Protein backbone atom coordinates (compact mmCIF):
# COMPACT_ATOMS: atom_id res chain seq x y z
CA MET A 1 0.00 0.00 0.00
CA PRO A 2 1.34 3.49 -0.85
CA LEU A 3 2.19 5.70 2.11
CA GLU A 4 -0.30 8.46 2.93
CA PRO A 5 1.59 11.76 2.44
CA TYR A 6 -0.15 13.35 5.44
CA VAL A 7 -0.34 12.56 9.14
CA ASN A 8 -3.94 13.02 10.25
CA PHE A 9 -4.89 14.48 13.65
CA SER A 10 -8.25 14.80 15.32
CA ARG A 11 -8.79 18.17 16.99
CA ASP A 12 -8.13 16.64 20.43
CA GLU A 13 -4.90 15.01 19.23
CA TRP A 14 -3.74 18.24 17.65
CA ALA A 15 -4.62 20.30 20.75
CA ARG A 16 -2.28 18.20 22.90
CA LEU A 17 0.65 19.34 20.73
CA ARG A 18 0.29 22.84 22.18
CA ALA A 19 2.61 21.70 25.01
CA SER A 20 3.29 24.73 27.20
CA THR A 21 2.74 27.40 24.54
CA PRO A 22 1.17 30.37 26.37
CA LEU A 23 -2.06 32.04 25.29
CA THR A 24 -1.18 35.63 24.33
CA LEU A 25 -4.52 36.80 22.88
CA SER A 26 -7.51 38.14 24.79
CA GLU A 27 -11.22 38.06 23.97
CA ALA A 28 -10.89 41.68 22.83
CA ASP A 29 -8.08 40.69 20.45
CA LEU A 30 -10.23 37.94 18.95
CA ALA A 31 -13.13 40.32 18.36
CA GLU A 32 -10.84 42.40 16.14
CA LEU A 33 -9.31 39.41 14.34
CA GLN A 34 -12.35 37.34 13.42
CA GLY A 35 -14.04 37.76 10.07
CA LEU A 36 -17.61 38.72 9.29
CA ASN A 37 -20.01 35.88 10.11
CA GLU A 38 -17.36 33.94 12.07
CA GLN A 39 -17.34 33.26 15.80
CA LEU A 40 -13.74 32.68 16.78
CA SER A 41 -13.44 31.44 20.35
CA ILE A 42 -10.57 31.36 22.80
CA ARG A 43 -10.98 27.58 22.80
CA GLU A 44 -10.37 27.47 19.04
CA VAL A 45 -7.20 29.51 19.44
CA VAL A 46 -5.96 27.30 22.27
CA GLU A 47 -6.74 23.97 20.59
CA VAL A 48 -5.90 24.80 16.97
CA TYR A 49 -3.80 27.92 16.57
CA LEU A 50 -1.45 27.67 19.56
CA PRO A 51 -0.16 24.23 18.44
CA LEU A 52 0.16 25.60 14.92
CA SER A 53 2.11 28.66 16.09
CA ARG A 54 4.41 26.33 18.05
CA LEU A 55 5.00 24.16 14.97
CA LEU A 56 5.73 27.21 12.82
CA THR A 57 8.13 28.63 15.38
CA LEU A 58 10.06 25.35 15.43
CA HIS A 59 10.14 25.34 11.61
CA ILE A 60 11.37 28.93 11.53
CA ALA A 61 14.13 28.17 14.06
CA ALA A 62 15.27 25.21 11.94
CA THR A 63 15.28 27.40 8.81
CA ARG A 64 17.41 30.02 10.56
CA GLU A 65 19.86 27.33 11.66
CA LEU A 66 20.20 26.16 8.05
CA GLU A 67 20.95 29.75 7.07
CA ARG A 68 23.71 29.89 9.69
CA VAL A 69 25.16 26.63 8.35
CA THR A 70 25.23 28.15 4.87
CA ASP A 71 26.93 31.28 6.25
CA ARG A 72 29.63 29.14 7.88
CA PHE A 73 30.16 27.23 4.65
CA LEU A 74 30.44 30.41 2.57
CA GLY A 75 32.56 32.16 5.17
CA LYS A 76 30.36 35.23 5.13
CA THR A 77 26.95 36.38 6.32
CA VAL A 78 24.26 36.41 3.66
CA ALA A 79 21.34 38.83 4.02
CA ARG A 80 18.53 37.04 5.82
CA SER A 81 15.23 36.76 3.94
CA PRO A 82 11.78 36.63 5.53
CA TYR A 83 10.20 33.28 6.31
CA ILE A 84 7.24 33.20 3.90
CA LEU A 85 4.04 31.47 4.93
CA GLY A 86 1.33 30.96 2.29
CA VAL A 87 -2.34 30.63 3.29
CA ALA A 88 -4.82 29.43 0.65
CA GLY A 89 -8.49 28.50 0.45
CA SER A 90 -11.85 29.44 -0.99
CA VAL A 91 -13.74 32.68 -0.74
CA ALA A 92 -15.61 32.75 2.63
CA VAL A 93 -13.75 29.74 4.10
CA GLY A 94 -12.04 31.87 6.74
CA LYS A 95 -8.46 32.02 5.46
CA SER A 96 -8.22 35.75 6.27
CA THR A 97 -9.13 35.08 9.91
CA THR A 98 -6.61 32.23 10.03
CA SER A 99 -3.93 34.57 8.63
CA ARG A 100 -4.72 37.37 11.08
CA VAL A 101 -4.72 35.04 14.10
CA LEU A 102 -1.42 33.48 13.08
CA ALA A 103 0.12 36.90 12.47
CA ALA A 104 -0.95 38.05 15.94
CA LEU A 105 0.31 34.88 17.67
CA LEU A 106 3.62 34.70 15.81
CA ALA A 107 4.35 38.38 16.47
CA ARG A 108 4.13 37.66 20.20
CA TRP A 109 6.93 35.06 20.09
CA PRO A 110 10.17 36.76 21.21
CA GLU A 111 12.15 35.11 18.39
CA HIS A 112 10.32 36.89 15.55
CA PRO A 113 8.36 39.99 16.55
CA ARG A 114 8.14 41.52 13.07
CA VAL A 115 5.33 39.84 11.15
CA ASP A 116 3.60 41.30 8.09
CA LEU A 117 0.44 40.09 6.38
CA VAL A 118 -0.19 40.73 2.68
CA THR A 119 -3.19 39.55 0.68
CA THR A 120 -2.97 38.87 -3.03
CA ASP A 121 -6.09 41.00 -3.62
CA GLY A 122 -3.75 43.92 -4.18
CA PHE A 123 -2.22 42.08 -7.13
CA LEU A 124 -5.51 41.76 -9.00
CA HIS A 125 -5.55 43.71 -12.23
CA ALA A 126 -7.45 46.99 -11.87
CA ASN A 127 -11.09 46.86 -12.97
CA HIS A 128 -10.45 48.83 -16.15
CA VAL A 129 -7.84 46.24 -17.17
CA LEU A 130 -10.17 43.35 -16.36
CA GLU A 131 -12.96 45.01 -18.33
CA ALA A 132 -10.67 45.51 -21.33
CA LYS A 133 -9.66 41.83 -21.17
CA GLY A 134 -13.26 40.64 -20.65
CA LEU A 135 -12.33 39.19 -17.24
CA MET A 136 -14.61 41.02 -14.79
CA ALA A 137 -16.71 37.87 -14.40
CA ARG A 138 -13.47 35.92 -13.72
CA LYS A 139 -12.23 38.13 -10.89
CA GLY A 140 -10.30 35.93 -8.47
CA PHE A 141 -9.43 33.34 -11.13
CA PRO A 142 -5.68 32.95 -11.79
CA GLU A 143 -5.81 34.97 -15.01
CA SER A 144 -7.24 38.02 -13.20
CA TYR A 145 -3.98 38.63 -11.28
CA ASP A 146 -0.89 40.56 -12.30
CA LEU A 147 1.29 37.49 -11.73
CA ARG A 148 4.44 39.16 -13.01
CA ARG A 149 4.12 41.88 -10.37
CA LEU A 150 3.30 39.36 -7.62
CA LEU A 151 6.28 37.18 -8.52
CA ALA A 152 8.56 40.22 -8.52
CA PHE A 153 7.24 41.24 -5.09
CA VAL A 154 7.97 37.82 -3.60
CA ALA A 155 11.36 37.54 -5.33
CA ASP A 156 12.43 40.93 -3.94
CA LEU A 157 11.36 39.85 -0.45
CA LYS A 158 13.35 36.63 -0.71
CA ALA A 159 16.37 38.55 -1.98
CA GLY A 160 16.36 40.64 1.20
CA ALA A 161 15.36 43.94 -0.38
CA PRO A 162 15.21 46.62 2.34
CA GLU A 163 11.79 47.81 1.23
CA VAL A 164 9.10 46.23 -0.96
CA SER A 165 5.66 47.63 -1.79
CA ALA A 166 2.37 45.88 -2.51
CA PRO A 167 -0.66 47.56 -4.13
CA VAL A 168 -3.72 48.11 -1.94
CA TYR A 169 -7.16 46.70 -2.78
CA SER A 170 -10.45 48.11 -1.47
CA HIS A 171 -13.34 45.71 -0.97
CA LEU A 172 -15.60 48.73 -0.60
CA VAL A 173 -14.98 50.07 -4.12
CA TYR A 174 -14.08 46.56 -5.43
CA ASP A 175 -10.89 47.81 -7.09
CA ILE A 176 -7.22 48.67 -6.67
CA VAL A 177 -6.74 52.01 -4.88
CA PRO A 178 -4.58 54.23 -7.15
CA GLY A 179 -1.45 55.54 -5.48
CA GLN A 180 -1.82 53.52 -2.26
CA PHE A 181 0.72 50.88 -1.26
CA GLN A 182 1.53 48.63 1.68
CA THR A 183 5.24 48.93 2.42
CA ILE A 184 7.06 45.89 3.76
CA ARG A 185 10.45 46.41 5.43
CA GLN A 186 12.34 43.16 5.98
CA PRO A 187 9.98 41.36 8.36
CA ASP A 188 10.95 38.18 10.16
CA ILE A 189 7.82 36.52 8.77
CA LEU A 190 5.62 37.39 5.80
CA ILE A 191 2.19 35.78 5.56
CA LEU A 192 0.86 35.82 2.00
CA GLU A 193 -2.84 35.02 1.88
CA GLY A 194 -4.90 34.43 -1.24
CA LEU A 195 -7.18 32.19 -3.24
CA ASN A 196 -4.62 30.81 -5.65
CA VAL A 197 -1.28 31.17 -3.86
CA LEU A 198 -0.67 27.40 -4.04
CA GLN A 199 -0.96 27.34 -7.82
CA GLY A 200 1.69 25.20 -9.45
CA GLY A 201 1.77 22.69 -12.22
CA ASP A 202 3.76 20.30 -14.30
CA ARG A 203 6.44 22.21 -16.15
CA GLN A 204 6.79 21.15 -19.74
CA PRO A 205 10.31 20.99 -21.23
CA GLU A 206 9.74 24.23 -23.11
CA ASP A 207 8.46 25.86 -19.92
CA ALA A 208 11.03 24.55 -17.43
CA ALA A 209 11.97 27.98 -16.11
CA ARG A 210 8.42 29.03 -15.24
CA LEU A 211 8.06 30.21 -11.65
CA PHE A 212 5.11 30.03 -9.26
CA VAL A 213 4.57 32.12 -6.14
CA SER A 214 4.41 28.91 -4.11
CA ASP A 215 8.03 28.14 -5.09
CA SER A 216 9.11 30.78 -2.56
CA PHE A 217 7.04 29.49 0.38
CA ASP A 218 8.79 28.07 3.42
CA PHE A 219 5.49 26.66 4.67
CA SER A 220 1.92 26.64 3.38
CA ILE A 221 -1.56 26.16 4.85
CA TYR A 222 -4.81 25.29 3.10
CA VAL A 223 -8.07 26.13 4.90
CA ASP A 224 -10.56 23.47 3.83
CA ALA A 225 -14.29 22.78 4.16
CA ALA A 226 -17.01 21.04 2.16
CA GLU A 227 -18.31 23.24 -0.64
CA THR A 228 -21.85 23.06 0.76
CA HIS A 229 -20.60 24.66 3.99
CA VAL A 230 -18.54 27.31 2.21
CA LYS A 231 -21.43 28.27 -0.06
CA GLY A 232 -23.67 28.63 2.98
CA TRP A 233 -21.10 30.89 4.68
CA PHE A 234 -20.80 32.96 1.50
CA LEU A 235 -24.57 33.46 1.32
CA GLN A 236 -24.73 34.43 5.01
CA ARG A 237 -21.87 36.88 4.56
CA PHE A 238 -23.52 38.43 1.51
CA GLN A 239 -26.68 39.05 3.54
CA ARG A 240 -24.68 40.63 6.35
CA LEU A 241 -22.82 42.88 3.92
CA ARG A 242 -26.14 43.86 2.34
CA GLU A 243 -27.24 45.15 5.72
CA THR A 244 -23.96 46.95 6.45
CA ALA A 245 -21.12 47.77 4.03
CA PHE A 246 -23.27 47.68 0.90
CA ARG A 247 -25.30 50.62 2.24
CA ASP A 248 -22.28 52.90 2.06
CA PRO A 249 -22.80 55.30 -0.88
CA LYS A 250 -19.23 54.60 -2.03
CA SER A 251 -19.77 50.83 -2.15
CA TYR A 252 -19.46 49.14 -5.54
CA PHE A 253 -22.33 46.88 -4.43
CA ARG A 254 -24.62 49.70 -3.27
CA LYS A 255 -27.34 48.66 -5.75
CA TYR A 256 -27.68 45.27 -4.10
CA ALA A 257 -28.52 46.74 -0.68
CA GLU A 258 -32.09 47.43 -1.80
CA LEU A 259 -32.85 43.94 -3.08
CA SER A 260 -35.40 41.88 -1.21
CA HIS A 261 -34.11 39.00 0.90
CA GLU A 262 -35.19 36.48 -1.75
CA GLU A 263 -33.69 38.50 -4.64
CA ALA A 264 -30.40 38.94 -2.80
CA LEU A 265 -30.21 35.25 -1.96
CA ALA A 266 -30.86 34.28 -5.59
CA PHE A 267 -28.24 36.74 -6.85
CA ALA A 268 -25.62 35.59 -4.34
CA GLY A 269 -26.37 31.97 -5.28
CA ARG A 270 -25.65 32.73 -8.93
CA VAL A 271 -22.40 34.51 -8.00
CA TRP A 272 -21.32 31.44 -6.08
CA ASP A 273 -22.28 28.92 -8.76
CA ASP A 274 -20.83 30.88 -11.70
CA ILE A 275 -17.75 32.49 -10.11
CA ASN A 276 -16.63 31.54 -6.60
CA GLY A 277 -17.75 27.92 -6.69
CA ALA A 278 -16.36 27.43 -10.18
CA ASN A 279 -13.03 28.95 -9.14
CA LEU A 280 -12.92 26.68 -6.09
CA ARG A 281 -13.54 23.53 -8.11
CA GLU A 282 -11.35 24.41 -11.10
CA ASN A 283 -8.39 26.17 -9.50
CA ILE A 284 -8.30 26.33 -5.71
CA LEU A 285 -9.29 22.86 -4.51
CA PRO A 286 -6.84 21.09 -6.88
CA THR A 287 -4.00 22.86 -5.02
CA ARG A 288 -5.03 21.56 -1.58
CA ASN A 289 -2.59 18.65 -1.51
CA ARG A 290 0.32 20.95 -2.29
CA ALA A 291 -0.01 22.48 1.20
CA HIS A 292 2.23 21.50 4.09
CA LEU A 293 -0.76 21.60 6.43
CA ILE A 294 -4.54 21.41 5.92
CA LEU A 295 -7.06 22.79 8.42
CA SER A 296 -10.37 20.94 7.93
CA LYS A 297 -13.47 22.85 9.05
CA GLY A 298 -16.94 21.63 9.94
CA ALA A 299 -20.34 23.24 9.40
CA ASP A 300 -19.92 25.60 12.38
CA HIS A 301 -16.69 27.12 10.97
CA GLY A 302 -14.68 25.30 13.65
CA VAL A 303 -11.59 23.26 12.77
CA GLU A 304 -12.36 19.56 13.22
CA GLY A 305 -9.09 18.03 12.06
CA VAL A 306 -5.57 18.79 10.90
CA ARG A 307 -3.46 17.09 8.25
CA LEU A 308 0.31 17.63 8.36
CA ARG A 309 2.46 16.65 5.40
CA ARG A 310 5.24 14.18 6.14
CA LEU A 311 8.77 15.41 5.50
């Protein structure tokens, strides 16, 4: 029988791997970190994210030791690059909350206090470019991103550039914000979160030099759940946004705030089926088994199990 590439843990088994890792987040911290329509509890942090932060800290320490070995071999100190952690998963699955919680926990470890979080939303092509290419209905699909710019951003980070900038995306206006940038200055850890960050593929002989963002990851996480659950969370989130952010006069989705409950639900269902669900099935889910670790969620948004890739 072929070996299973992952070691599977129940939530209870995973929670025991926390060891003596201290809890450094309060209830008030969690209220700021959790996403819309998610209820993130202290128990979830203790049982899921504290063991994960411990694992990542051990991985980072081992990576730094390898860098020191290389320095000794070369007889000189090479500029240290950030440890890059990729977080992938569907729209509405909770990957942004996972990224924010990990950033907060990792920044509280004394070994690596400088942690930055960047989402790949900023590397989407601007709406006018997507419209010119006929890709507005494919927003979030791999072809809707400025991959050359994203690859250059990650390459500069890995090369130890003193300062690297990422474009800023506004979910309110549903577009890139002209002239605004997030500046990254040599962090200890960089968390890169996005739908398709685990994209890869078989390189053909004529395409052997092709690079993927995931080539630069030191560790990667896929946030997983059954599509039926994720679709339900998306529909719930759409309804909440309809009652809140969509009512802002500057919102790109202002016109949907006045729909009836039934009309809004039908519209959101079509968006899921034609765009977000299709992207999940065609592009995102096929990358799941490229992750070093998979967080498997149940219907209540809570993590039920963890799969850790064998070395």
